[in-house]
């Protein structure tokens, strides 16, 4: 038997999202963090630092100072900041390439939780406050995109055969 008759199995790479998805989610998480920092500063320093138009539909000051700008006694901006502080490492390339199944599950659960919270905030803006905050909308869009990319990548990532559960 010659050496050309023997084929060596190719090393299979773990199933991870395309590099574009990994880069996009990392950039989105960083963008969300930046906006959340800005909104948190505005919460504590004062809404006069908010660069946002005020008209019949858009008014960041009214939204960010409304009763709905707190959830369980916490400012929503601080909750958003905490979410993105966690999201940045969860969406890093190292986390996407991780063999720890729990990490991928945490990413998926946090994306679903973030989207549920965004839906509540949108309802508050549209139904209760009747105003929209453009900065908040930026966070909502970032959270939705992270959710969509995470959910569509989850089956392949969680189906990897190289994941460890401990």
Foldseek 3Di string as FASTA:
>chain_A
DDPVVDDDDDDDAADFDDVVLLVLQLVLLVVLLVLLVVLVCCLVVHVVSDPWDDDQAADQRLLCPDPVCDDPNHGVSVVSNVLSVVSNVLSHPCNRRDLALVSLVVLLVSLVVLLVVLVVSVCCSVPPSNYDYVSSVSSNVSSVVSNVSSVVRSVRSNPTPSHDHD
